[in-house]
Each structure stands twice: as structure tokens, then as C-alpha cells.
């Protein structure tokens, strides 16, 4: 199951949740965001953060075609 990162736009706090592919739009529950107080959780404005994948080049990758 993939992990999704959510950010509360009001408090600026982030949380990471483990969800199935079908639940990727479901915001975090109170149990999944323990660093928020009850009041902050009630007023939370959740936004799912989409991180860019990290791409690393290996030491044997050449500059062009033929250097695999």
C-alpha cells in the first residue's frame, strides 16, 4: 500500500498516512495525525502533497547513447 503525505494549510503541519489505492482521496483521521490538537484537527484544511520522484544517475551512465 502506498503512503500519502497530507498538509494542514491552517497550521502548516504535515502527516503521512498509509492507504490503499482506493482511499487516496480520504483525508487523515485524528488517529493518523497525533501532532494536531483536537481544535486544530476540527478546523483542518487538508491538502494532499504530491512529491516529485527522486531520480539518481548511476556512476556508469554515460552522456549519450551507447554508454549503458
PDB file of N, CA and C in Angstrom:
ATOM      1  N   UNK A   1       0.838  -1.186   0.000  1.00  0.00           N
ATOM      2  CA  UNK A   1       0.000   0.000   0.000  1.00  0.00           C
ATOM      3  C   UNK A   1       0.877   1.241   0.000  1.00  0.00           C
ATOM      4  N   UNK A   2       0.499   2.228  -0.764  1.00  0.00           N
ATOM      5  CA  UNK A   2       1.304   3.447  -0.845  1.00  0.00           C
ATOM      6  C   UNK A   2       1.086   4.365   0.350  1.00  0.00           C
ATOM      7  N   UNK A   3       2.059   5.230   0.566  1.00  0.00           N
ATOM      8  CA  UNK A   3       1.975   6.221   1.628  1.00  0.00           C
ATOM      9  C   UNK A   3       1.692   7.578   0.987  1.00  0.00           C
ATOM     10  N   UNK A   4       0.792   8.326   1.603  1.00  0.00           N
ATOM     11  CA  UNK A   4       0.420   9.641   1.094  1.00  0.00           C
ATOM     12  C   UNK A   4       0.713  10.693   2.150  1.00  0.00           C
ATOM     13  N   UNK A   5       1.234  11.834   1.718  1.00  0.00           N
ATOM     14  CA  UNK A   5       1.529  12.923   2.628  1.00  0.00           C
ATOM     15  C   UNK A   5       0.445  13.989   2.509  1.00  0.00           C
ATOM     16  N   UNK A   6      -0.057  14.439   3.661  1.00  0.00           N
ATOM     17  CA  UNK A   6      -1.099  15.453   3.721  1.00  0.00           C
ATOM     18  C   UNK A   6      -0.591  16.634   4.520  1.00  0.00           C
ATOM     19  N   UNK A   7      -1.026  17.828   4.159  1.00  0.00           N
ATOM     20  CA  UNK A   7      -0.630  19.041   4.862  1.00  0.00           C
ATOM     21  C   UNK A   7      -1.880  19.801   5.274  1.00  0.00           C
ATOM     22  N   UNK A   8      -1.882  20.264   6.532  1.00  0.00           N
ATOM     23  CA  UNK A   8      -2.951  21.124   7.009  1.00  0.00           C
ATOM     24  C   UNK A   8      -2.550  22.555   6.676  1.00  0.00           C
ATOM     25  N   UNK A   9      -3.310  23.211   5.808  1.00  0.00           N
ATOM     26  CA  UNK A   9      -2.961  24.559   5.355  1.00  0.00           C
ATOM     27  C   UNK A   9      -3.109  25.609   6.452  1.00  0.00           C
ATOM     28  N   UNK A  10      -3.909  25.338   7.467  1.00  0.00           N
ATOM     29  CA  UNK A  10      -4.103  26.321   8.538  1.00  0.00           C
ATOM     30  C   UNK A  10      -2.970  26.299   9.547  1.00  0.00           C
ATOM     31  N   UNK A  11      -2.542  25.105   9.965  1.00  0.00           N
ATOM     32  CA  UNK A  11      -1.476  25.020  10.969  1.00  0.00           C
ATOM     33  C   UNK A  11      -0.103  24.799  10.345  1.00  0.00           C
ATOM     34  N   UNK A  12      -0.061  24.333   9.084  1.00  0.00           N
ATOM     35  CA  UNK A  12       1.214  24.076   8.418  1.00  0.00           C
ATOM     36  C   UNK A  12       1.828  22.732   8.778  1.00  0.00           C
ATOM     37  N   UNK A  13       1.133  21.914   9.549  1.00  0.00           N
ATOM     38  CA  UNK A  13       1.663  20.615   9.959  1.00  0.00           C
ATOM     39  C   UNK A  13       1.373  19.566   8.894  1.00  0.00           C
ATOM     40  N   UNK A  14       2.300  18.609   8.783  1.00  0.00           N
ATOM     41  CA  UNK A  14       2.163  17.541   7.794  1.00  0.00           C
ATOM     42  C   UNK A  14       2.029  16.205   8.497  1.00  0.00           C
ATOM     43  N   UNK A  15       1.375  15.265   7.816  1.00  0.00           N
ATOM     44  CA  UNK A  15       1.252  13.894   8.316  1.00  0.00           C
ATOM     45  C   UNK A  15       1.292  12.935   7.129  1.00  0.00           C
ATOM     46  N   UNK A  16       1.804  11.756   7.364  1.00  0.00           N
ATOM     47  CA  UNK A  16       1.896  10.724   6.332  1.00  0.00           C
ATOM     48  C   UNK A  16       0.996   9.565   6.727  1.00  0.00           C
ATOM     49  N   UNK A  17       0.166   9.125   5.790  1.00  0.00           N
ATOM     50  CA  UNK A  17      -0.765   8.034   6.065  1.00  0.00           C
ATOM     51  C   UNK A  17      -0.560   6.899   5.068  1.00  0.00           C
ATOM     52  N   UNK A  18      -0.866   5.709   5.508  1.00  0.00           N
ATOM     53  CA  UNK A  18      -0.794   4.511   4.679  1.00  0.00           C
ATOM     54  C   UNK A  18      -2.199   4.184   4.226  1.00  0.00           C
ATOM     55  N   UNK A  19      -2.426   4.198   2.929  1.00  0.00           N
ATOM     56  CA  UNK A  19      -3.766   3.977   2.373  1.00  0.00           C
ATOM     57  C   UNK A  19      -3.695   2.973   1.219  1.00  0.00           C
ATOM     58  N   UNK A  20      -4.830   2.381   0.940  1.00  0.00           N
ATOM     59  CA  UNK A  20      -4.937   1.564  -0.267  1.00  0.00           C
ATOM     60  C   UNK A  20      -5.100   2.510  -1.454  1.00  0.00           C
ATOM     61  N   UNK A  21      -5.005   1.986  -2.641  1.00  0.00           N
ATOM     62  CA  UNK A  21      -5.130   2.830  -3.836  1.00  0.00           C
ATOM     63  C   UNK A  21      -6.507   3.475  -3.925  1.00  0.00           C
ATOM     64  N   UNK A  22      -7.531   2.802  -3.423  1.00  0.00           N
ATOM     65  CA  UNK A  22      -8.883   3.347  -3.490  1.00  0.00           C
ATOM     66  C   UNK A  22      -9.090   4.515  -2.526  1.00  0.00           C
ATOM     67  N   UNK A  23      -8.302   4.593  -1.455  1.00  0.00           N
ATOM     68  CA  UNK A  23      -8.505   5.615  -0.439  1.00  0.00           C
ATOM     69  C   UNK A  23      -7.552   6.785  -0.535  1.00  0.00           C
ATOM     70  N   UNK A  24      -7.009   7.050  -1.717  1.00  0.00           N
ATOM     71  CA  UNK A  24      -6.008   8.107  -1.828  1.00  0.00           C
ATOM     72  C   UNK A  24      -6.592   9.503  -1.653  1.00  0.00           C
ATOM     73  N   UNK A  25      -7.910   9.669  -1.773  1.00  0.00           N
ATOM     74  CA  UNK A  25      -8.524  10.987  -1.593  1.00  0.00           C
ATOM     75  C   UNK A  25      -9.053  11.209  -0.180  1.00  0.00           C
ATOM     76  N   UNK A  26      -9.029  10.178   0.665  1.00  0.00           N
ATOM     77  CA  UNK A  26      -9.552  10.290   2.025  1.00  0.00           C
ATOM     78  C   UNK A  26      -8.554  11.050   2.894  1.00  0.00           C
ATOM     79  N   UNK A  27      -8.981  12.140   3.530  1.00  0.00           N
ATOM     80  CA  UNK A  27      -8.058  12.892   4.400  1.00  0.00           C
ATOM     81  C   UNK A  27      -7.721  12.093   5.655  1.00  0.00           C
ATOM     82  N   UNK A  28      -6.665  12.474   6.354  1.00  0.00           N
ATOM     83  CA  UNK A  28      -6.263  11.737   7.561  1.00  0.00           C
ATOM     84  C   UNK A  28      -7.314  11.798   8.664  1.00  0.00           C
ATOM     85  N   UNK A  29      -7.343  10.761   9.473  1.00  0.00           N
ATOM     86  CA  UNK A  29      -8.212  10.735  10.641  1.00  0.00           C
ATOM     87  C   UNK A  29      -7.448  11.321  11.833  1.00  0.00           C
ATOM     88  N   UNK A  30      -8.134  11.506  12.943  1.00  0.00           N
ATOM     89  CA  UNK A  30      -7.492  12.052  14.134  1.00  0.00           C
ATOM     90  C   UNK A  30      -6.389  11.119  14.635  1.00  0.00           C
ATOM     91  N   UNK A  31      -6.589   9.822  14.541  1.00  0.00           N
ATOM     92  CA  UNK A  31      -5.585   8.856  14.984  1.00  0.00           C
ATOM     93  C   UNK A  31      -4.337   8.900  14.107  1.00  0.00           C
ATOM     94  N   UNK A  32      -4.494   9.263  12.840  1.00  0.00           N
ATOM     95  CA  UNK A  32      -3.359   9.314  11.920  1.00  0.00           C
ATOM     96  C   UNK A  32      -2.604  10.639  11.984  1.00  0.00           C
ATOM     97  N   UNK A  33      -3.125  11.602  12.694  1.00  0.00           N
ATOM     98  CA  UNK A  33      -2.457  12.902  12.837  1.00  0.00           C
ATOM     99  C   UNK A  33      -2.369  13.280  14.313  1.00  0.00           C
ATOM    100  N   UNK A  34      -1.503  12.585  15.062  1.00  0.00           N
ATOM    101  CA  UNK A  34      -1.445  12.813  16.513  1.00  0.00           C
ATOM    102  C   UNK A  34      -0.823  14.143  16.911  1.00  0.00           C
ATOM    103  N   UNK A  35      -0.083  14.795  16.019  1.00  0.00           N
ATOM    104  CA  UNK A  35       0.557  16.059  16.384  1.00  0.00           C
ATOM    105  C   UNK A  35      -0.397  17.249  16.333  1.00  0.00           C
ATOM    106  N   UNK A  36      -1.619  17.063  15.860  1.00  0.00           N
ATOM    107  CA  UNK A  36      -2.616  18.124  15.867  1.00  0.00           C
ATOM    108  C   UNK A  36      -3.485  18.015  17.111  1.00  0.00           C
ATOM    109  N   UNK A  37      -3.801  19.148  17.692  1.00  0.00           N
ATOM    110  CA  UNK A  37      -4.726  19.145  18.825  1.00  0.00           C
ATOM    111  C   UNK A  37      -6.133  18.894  18.297  1.00  0.00           C
ATOM    112  N   UNK A  38      -7.065  18.662  19.190  1.00  0.00           N
ATOM    113  CA  UNK A  38      -8.450  18.397  18.775  1.00  0.00           C
ATOM    114  C   UNK A  38      -9.030  19.601  18.040  1.00  0.00           C
ATOM    115  N   UNK A  39      -8.730  20.791  18.522  1.00  0.00           N
ATOM    116  CA  UNK A  39      -9.242  22.008  17.879  1.00  0.00           C
ATOM    117  C   UNK A  39      -8.623  22.205  16.497  1.00  0.00           C
ATOM    118  N   UNK A  40      -7.310  21.963  16.379  1.00  0.00           N
ATOM    119  CA  UNK A  40      -6.649  22.093  15.078  1.00  0.00           C
ATOM    120  C   UNK A  40      -7.200  21.075  14.087  1.00  0.00           C
ATOM    121  N   UNK A  41      -7.469  19.854  14.570  1.00  0.00           N
ATOM    122  CA  UNK A  41      -7.990  18.824  13.674  1.00  0.00           C
ATOM    123  C   UNK A  41      -9.388  19.172  13.180  1.00  0.00           C
ATOM    124  N   UNK A  42     -10.218  19.729  14.053  1.00  0.00           N
ATOM    125  CA  UNK A  42     -11.584  20.105  13.669  1.00  0.00           C
ATOM    126  C   UNK A  42     -11.574  21.185  12.585  1.00  0.00           C
ATOM    127  N   UNK A  43     -10.608  22.108  12.635  1.00  0.00           N
ATOM    128  CA  UNK A  43     -10.547  23.221  11.697  1.00  0.00           C
ATOM    129  C   UNK A  43      -9.585  22.973  10.544  1.00  0.00           C
ATOM    130  N   UNK A  44      -9.056  21.779  10.434  1.00  0.00           N
ATOM    131  CA  UNK A  44      -8.026  21.482   9.440  1.00  0.00           C
ATOM    132  C   UNK A  44      -8.540  21.643   8.009  1.00  0.00           C
ATOM    133  N   UNK A  45      -7.680  22.192   7.181  1.00  0.00           N
ATOM    134  CA  UNK A  45      -7.925  22.332   5.744  1.00  0.00           C
ATOM    135  C   UNK A  45      -6.881  21.471   5.050  1.00  0.00           C
ATOM    136  N   UNK A  46      -7.217  20.201   4.786  1.00  0.00           N
ATOM    137  CA  UNK A  46      -6.248  19.229   4.290  1.00  0.00           C
ATOM    138  C   UNK A  46      -5.983  19.391   2.799  1.00  0.00           C
ATOM    139  N   UNK A  47      -4.725  19.231   2.445  1.00  0.00           N
ATOM    140  CA  UNK A  47      -4.303  19.239   1.043  1.00  0.00           C
ATOM    141  C   UNK A  47      -3.299  18.101   0.872  1.00  0.00           C
ATOM    142  N   UNK A  48      -3.500  17.281  -0.148  1.00  0.00           N
ATOM    143  CA  UNK A  48      -2.569  16.180  -0.388  1.00  0.00           C
ATOM    144  C   UNK A  48      -1.341  16.713  -1.094  1.00  0.00           C
ATOM    145  N   UNK A  49      -0.184  16.400  -0.557  1.00  0.00           N
ATOM    146  CA  UNK A  49       1.085  16.859  -1.108  1.00  0.00           C
ATOM    147  C   UNK A  49       1.599  15.803  -2.069  1.00  0.00           C
ATOM    148  N   UNK A  50       1.921  16.229  -3.273  1.00  0.00           N
ATOM    149  CA  UNK A  50       2.465  15.308  -4.275  1.00  0.00           C
ATOM    150  C   UNK A  50       3.938  15.638  -4.433  1.00  0.00           C
ATOM    151  N   UNK A  51       4.785  14.718  -3.998  1.00  0.00           N
ATOM    152  CA  UNK A  51       6.224  14.913  -4.071  1.00  0.00           C
ATOM    153  C   UNK A  51       6.759  14.448  -5.412  1.00  0.00           C
ATOM    154  N   UNK A  52       7.779  15.136  -5.882  1.00  0.00           N
ATOM    155  CA  UNK A  52       8.426  14.739  -7.125  1.00  0.00           C
ATOM    156  C   UNK A  52       9.318  13.530  -6.855  1.00  0.00           C
ATOM    157  N   UNK A  53       9.353  12.573  -7.760  1.00  0.00           N
ATOM    158  CA  UNK A  53      10.220  11.413  -7.544  1.00  0.00           C
ATOM    159  C   UNK A  53      11.688  11.816  -7.652  1.00  0.00           C
ATOM    160  N   UNK A  54      12.500  11.170  -6.863  1.00  0.00           N
ATOM    161  CA  UNK A  54      13.937  11.460  -6.952  1.00  0.00           C
ATOM    162  C   UNK A  54      14.555  10.536  -7.993  1.00  0.00           C
ATOM    163  N   UNK A  55      15.304  11.113  -8.890  1.00  0.00           N
ATOM    164  CA  UNK A  55      15.961  10.356  -9.951  1.00  0.00           C
ATOM    165  C   UNK A  55      17.463  10.512  -9.770  1.00  0.00           C
ATOM    166  N   UNK A  56      18.131   9.402  -9.640  1.00  0.00           N
ATOM    167  CA  UNK A  56      19.577   9.451  -9.480  1.00  0.00           C
ATOM    168  C   UNK A  56      20.222   8.735 -10.652  1.00  0.00           C
ATOM    169  N   UNK A  57      21.333   9.256 -11.093  1.00  0.00           N
ATOM    170  CA  UNK A  57      22.099   8.630 -12.161  1.00  0.00           C
ATOM    171  C   UNK A  57      23.198   7.788 -11.541  1.00  0.00           C
ATOM    172  N   UNK A  58      23.349   6.611 -12.044  1.00  0.00           N
ATOM    173  CA  UNK A  58      24.411   5.747 -11.565  1.00  0.00           C
ATOM    174  C   UNK A  58      25.759   6.183 -12.108  1.00  0.00           C
ATOM    175  N   UNK A  59      26.844   5.718 -11.507  1.00  0.00           N
ATOM    176  CA  UNK A  59      28.171   6.148 -11.952  1.00  0.00           C
ATOM    177  C   UNK A  59      28.532   5.629 -13.342  1.00  0.00           C
ATOM    178  N   UNK A  60      27.844   4.594 -13.834  1.00  0.00           N
ATOM    179  CA  UNK A  60      28.168   4.015 -15.139  1.00  0.00           C
ATOM    180  C   UNK A  60      27.303   4.576 -16.261  1.00  0.00           C
ATOM    181  N   UNK A  61      26.444   5.544 -15.959  1.00  0.00           N
ATOM    182  CA  UNK A  61      25.611   6.129 -17.006  1.00  0.00           C
ATOM    183  C   UNK A  61      26.431   7.135 -17.784  1.00  0.00           C
ATOM    184  N   UNK A  62      26.471   6.962 -19.096  1.00  0.00           N
ATOM    185  CA  UNK A  62      27.253   7.867 -19.926  1.00  0.00           C
ATOM    186  C   UNK A  62      26.450   9.088 -20.337  1.00  0.00           C
ATOM    187  N   UNK A  63      27.059   9.900 -21.148  1.00  0.00           N
ATOM    188  CA  UNK A  63      26.426  11.138 -21.585  1.00  0.00           C
ATOM    189  C   UNK A  63      25.422  10.919 -22.701  1.00  0.00           C
ATOM    190  N   UNK A  64      25.500   9.822 -23.408  1.00  0.00           N
ATOM    191  CA  UNK A  64      24.579   9.627 -24.533  1.00  0.00           C
ATOM    192  C   UNK A  64      24.349   8.165 -24.852  1.00  0.00           C
ATOM    193  N   UNK A  65      23.894   7.927 -26.050  1.00  0.00           N
ATOM    194  CA  UNK A  65      23.540   6.590 -26.497  1.00  0.00           C
ATOM    195  C   UNK A  65      24.775   5.692 -26.560  1.00  0.00           C
ATOM    196  N   UNK A  66      24.619   4.473 -26.102  1.00  0.00           N
ATOM    197  CA  UNK A  66      25.689   3.509 -26.202  1.00  0.00           C
ATOM    198  C   UNK A  66      26.515   3.347 -24.938  1.00  0.00           C
ATOM    199  N   UNK A  67      26.291   4.168 -23.959  1.00  0.00           N
ATOM    200  CA  UNK A  67      27.053   4.067 -22.718  1.00  0.00           C
ATOM    201  C   UNK A  67      26.192   3.490 -21.595  1.00  0.00           C
ATOM    202  N   UNK A  68      25.582   2.364 -21.837  1.00  0.00           N
ATOM    203  CA  UNK A  68      24.739   1.739 -20.828  1.00  0.00           C
ATOM    204  C   UNK A  68      25.617   0.882 -20.009  1.00  0.00           C
TER     205      UNK A  68
END
